[in-house]
Every structure is written in structure tokens, then in C-alpha cells.
């Protein structure tokens, strides 16, 4: 059960990282096409902050809960 929960937490974090990474790619490839964001840099920074949040979770899992 322990390994199943750790695996689920890792996959959850990885999925969120990939989602926010995809959003950054959209901004980089077509910034004019994002109408609801008038400050594209700020929007990209928020995506990067979210990626860092989940990257931190992965590091904590590896540091404290790896077998």
C-alpha cells in the first residue's frame, strides 16, 4: 500500500508539471493567441511557479520516502 500511495503522489505531481509545461509551450509558440492574459510574462511566471511547486514535492518524496 505504501508504494502505491507514493507512486500515486509522484504521478500526480508529474502530471501537473506536464500540464504547466504545456501551457508555457503554448505561450512561447503563440503568445498573441492567448486573449485572456494581457501580461504573458506574468502568466508564464505563474506556470513556472506551479511547476516548481510540484518539482519540490517530487524532491521531498525522493528525499524522505524513497526505499
N, C-alpha and C. Protein backbone atom coordinates (compact mmCIF):
# COMPACT_ATOMS: atom_id res chain seq x y z
N UNK A 1 0.82 -1.20 0.00
CA UNK A 1 0.00 0.00 0.00
C UNK A 1 0.87 1.26 0.00
N UNK A 2 1.96 1.22 0.77
CA UNK A 2 2.85 2.38 0.86
C UNK A 2 3.37 2.78 -0.53
N UNK A 3 3.86 1.79 -1.27
CA UNK A 3 4.40 2.06 -2.60
C UNK A 3 3.33 2.57 -3.56
N UNK A 4 2.13 2.07 -3.43
CA UNK A 4 1.03 2.52 -4.29
C UNK A 4 0.73 3.99 -4.04
N UNK A 5 0.72 4.39 -2.78
CA UNK A 5 0.45 5.79 -2.45
C UNK A 5 1.58 6.70 -2.92
N UNK A 6 2.81 6.27 -2.72
CA UNK A 6 3.95 7.07 -3.18
C UNK A 6 3.93 7.20 -4.70
N UNK A 7 3.63 6.10 -5.37
CA UNK A 7 3.54 6.14 -6.84
C UNK A 7 2.44 7.10 -7.29
N UNK A 8 1.30 7.07 -6.63
CA UNK A 8 0.20 7.96 -6.97
C UNK A 8 0.58 9.42 -6.77
N UNK A 9 1.27 9.72 -5.67
CA UNK A 9 1.72 11.09 -5.43
C UNK A 9 2.71 11.54 -6.50
N UNK A 10 3.62 10.66 -6.87
CA UNK A 10 4.60 11.00 -7.92
C UNK A 10 3.91 11.26 -9.26
N UNK A 11 2.99 10.38 -9.62
CA UNK A 11 2.30 10.54 -10.90
C UNK A 11 1.44 11.81 -10.92
N UNK A 12 0.84 12.12 -9.80
CA UNK A 12 0.05 13.34 -9.69
C UNK A 12 0.92 14.57 -9.93
N UNK A 13 2.07 14.61 -9.27
CA UNK A 13 2.99 15.74 -9.43
C UNK A 13 3.51 15.82 -10.87
N UNK A 14 3.89 14.69 -11.42
CA UNK A 14 4.41 14.67 -12.79
C UNK A 14 3.35 15.14 -13.78
N UNK A 15 2.12 14.72 -13.58
CA UNK A 15 1.03 15.15 -14.46
C UNK A 15 0.84 16.65 -14.42
N UNK A 16 0.90 17.23 -13.23
CA UNK A 16 0.75 18.68 -13.11
C UNK A 16 1.93 19.42 -13.73
N UNK A 17 3.13 18.89 -13.56
CA UNK A 17 4.30 19.50 -14.20
C UNK A 17 4.11 19.51 -15.71
N UNK A 18 3.68 18.40 -16.27
CA UNK A 18 3.48 18.32 -17.73
C UNK A 18 2.39 19.28 -18.20
N UNK A 19 1.34 19.44 -17.41
CA UNK A 19 0.27 20.37 -17.77
C UNK A 19 0.80 21.80 -17.82
N UNK A 20 1.53 22.21 -16.80
CA UNK A 20 2.04 23.58 -16.75
C UNK A 20 3.13 23.79 -17.79
N UNK A 21 3.91 22.77 -18.07
CA UNK A 21 4.92 22.85 -19.13
C UNK A 21 4.25 23.06 -20.48
N UNK A 22 3.16 22.35 -20.72
CA UNK A 22 2.42 22.52 -21.99
C UNK A 22 1.88 23.94 -22.10
N UNK A 23 1.39 24.49 -21.00
CA UNK A 23 0.89 25.87 -21.03
C UNK A 23 2.00 26.85 -21.39
N UNK A 24 3.20 26.66 -20.83
CA UNK A 24 4.32 27.54 -21.17
C UNK A 24 4.64 27.41 -22.65
N UNK A 25 4.62 26.19 -23.17
CA UNK A 25 4.89 26.00 -24.60
C UNK A 25 3.87 26.75 -25.46
N UNK A 26 2.62 26.74 -25.05
CA UNK A 26 1.59 27.48 -25.79
C UNK A 26 1.91 28.96 -25.80
N UNK A 27 2.26 29.50 -24.64
CA UNK A 27 2.63 30.92 -24.56
C UNK A 27 3.83 31.23 -25.44
N UNK A 28 4.83 30.35 -25.44
CA UNK A 28 6.03 30.60 -26.23
C UNK A 28 5.78 30.52 -27.73
N UNK A 29 4.91 29.63 -28.15
CA UNK A 29 4.67 29.43 -29.57
C UNK A 29 3.65 30.40 -30.16
N UNK A 30 2.71 30.86 -29.34
CA UNK A 30 1.65 31.71 -29.88
C UNK A 30 1.14 32.68 -28.80
N UNK A 31 1.97 33.59 -28.34
CA UNK A 31 1.55 34.47 -27.25
C UNK A 31 0.40 35.40 -27.63
N UNK A 32 0.28 35.75 -28.88
CA UNK A 32 -0.81 36.65 -29.29
C UNK A 32 -2.16 35.95 -29.27
N UNK A 33 -2.16 34.63 -29.29
CA UNK A 33 -3.41 33.88 -29.32
C UNK A 33 -4.03 33.66 -27.95
N UNK A 34 -3.43 34.18 -26.91
CA UNK A 34 -3.95 33.99 -25.56
C UNK A 34 -4.63 35.29 -25.14
N UNK A 35 -5.89 35.41 -25.45
CA UNK A 35 -6.62 36.65 -25.25
C UNK A 35 -6.89 37.02 -23.81
N UNK A 36 -7.08 36.05 -22.93
CA UNK A 36 -7.45 36.38 -21.56
C UNK A 36 -6.25 36.82 -20.72
N UNK A 37 -5.04 36.69 -21.24
CA UNK A 37 -3.84 37.09 -20.49
C UNK A 37 -3.18 38.28 -21.19
N UNK A 38 -3.31 39.44 -20.58
CA UNK A 38 -2.68 40.61 -21.19
C UNK A 38 -1.23 40.74 -20.75
N UNK A 39 -0.82 40.09 -19.69
CA UNK A 39 0.56 40.07 -19.25
C UNK A 39 1.08 38.64 -19.38
N UNK A 40 1.62 38.35 -20.55
CA UNK A 40 2.03 36.98 -20.86
C UNK A 40 3.19 36.54 -19.97
N UNK A 41 4.13 37.44 -19.70
CA UNK A 41 5.26 37.09 -18.84
C UNK A 41 4.76 36.70 -17.45
N UNK A 42 3.84 37.46 -16.91
CA UNK A 42 3.28 37.14 -15.59
C UNK A 42 2.59 35.78 -15.61
N UNK A 43 1.84 35.51 -16.67
CA UNK A 43 1.15 34.23 -16.79
C UNK A 43 2.16 33.08 -16.88
N UNK A 44 3.25 33.30 -17.62
CA UNK A 44 4.29 32.28 -17.73
C UNK A 44 4.99 32.07 -16.40
N UNK A 45 5.24 33.15 -15.67
CA UNK A 45 5.86 33.03 -14.36
C UNK A 45 5.00 32.19 -13.42
N UNK A 46 3.70 32.38 -13.48
CA UNK A 46 2.80 31.59 -12.63
C UNK A 46 2.86 30.11 -13.01
N UNK A 47 2.93 29.82 -14.30
CA UNK A 47 3.06 28.43 -14.73
C UNK A 47 4.37 27.83 -14.21
N UNK A 48 5.46 28.59 -14.29
CA UNK A 48 6.75 28.11 -13.78
C UNK A 48 6.71 27.91 -12.27
N UNK A 49 6.04 28.82 -11.56
CA UNK A 49 5.90 28.66 -10.11
C UNK A 49 5.16 27.37 -9.77
N UNK A 50 4.13 27.07 -10.54
CA UNK A 50 3.40 25.83 -10.31
C UNK A 50 4.28 24.61 -10.60
N UNK A 51 5.07 24.69 -11.66
CA UNK A 51 5.98 23.58 -11.97
C UNK A 51 6.98 23.39 -10.82
N UNK A 52 7.51 24.48 -10.29
CA UNK A 52 8.46 24.41 -9.19
C UNK A 52 7.82 23.79 -7.95
N UNK A 53 6.57 24.12 -7.70
CA UNK A 53 5.84 23.56 -6.57
C UNK A 53 5.80 22.04 -6.65
N UNK A 54 5.43 21.53 -7.80
CA UNK A 54 5.33 20.07 -7.95
C UNK A 54 6.71 19.41 -8.04
N UNK A 55 7.69 20.12 -8.58
CA UNK A 55 9.06 19.60 -8.58
C UNK A 55 9.56 19.47 -7.14
N UNK A 56 9.22 20.43 -6.30
CA UNK A 56 9.58 20.35 -4.88
C UNK A 56 8.94 19.13 -4.23
N UNK A 57 7.69 18.86 -4.56
CA UNK A 57 7.04 17.68 -4.00
C UNK A 57 7.78 16.40 -4.38
N UNK A 58 8.22 16.32 -5.62
CA UNK A 58 8.96 15.13 -6.06
C UNK A 58 10.27 14.99 -5.29
N UNK A 59 10.95 16.11 -5.07
CA UNK A 59 12.20 16.08 -4.32
C UNK A 59 11.98 15.62 -2.89
N UNK A 60 10.91 16.08 -2.26
CA UNK A 60 10.59 15.67 -0.89
C UNK A 60 10.27 14.17 -0.84
N UNK A 61 9.51 13.70 -1.80
CA UNK A 61 9.21 12.27 -1.85
C UNK A 61 10.50 11.46 -1.97
N UNK A 62 11.38 11.89 -2.86
CA UNK A 62 12.64 11.17 -3.07
C UNK A 62 13.52 11.22 -1.83
N UNK A 63 13.55 12.35 -1.17
CA UNK A 63 14.43 12.52 -0.02
C UNK A 63 13.95 11.76 1.21
N UNK A 64 12.66 11.81 1.49
CA UNK A 64 12.15 11.29 2.74
C UNK A 64 11.41 9.96 2.64
N UNK A 65 10.98 9.58 1.44
CA UNK A 65 10.13 8.40 1.33
C UNK A 65 10.62 7.36 0.33
N UNK A 66 11.80 7.55 -0.22
CA UNK A 66 12.34 6.56 -1.16
C UNK A 66 12.84 5.35 -0.40
N UNK A 67 12.70 4.21 -1.00
CA UNK A 67 13.19 2.98 -0.35
C UNK A 67 14.64 2.73 -0.73
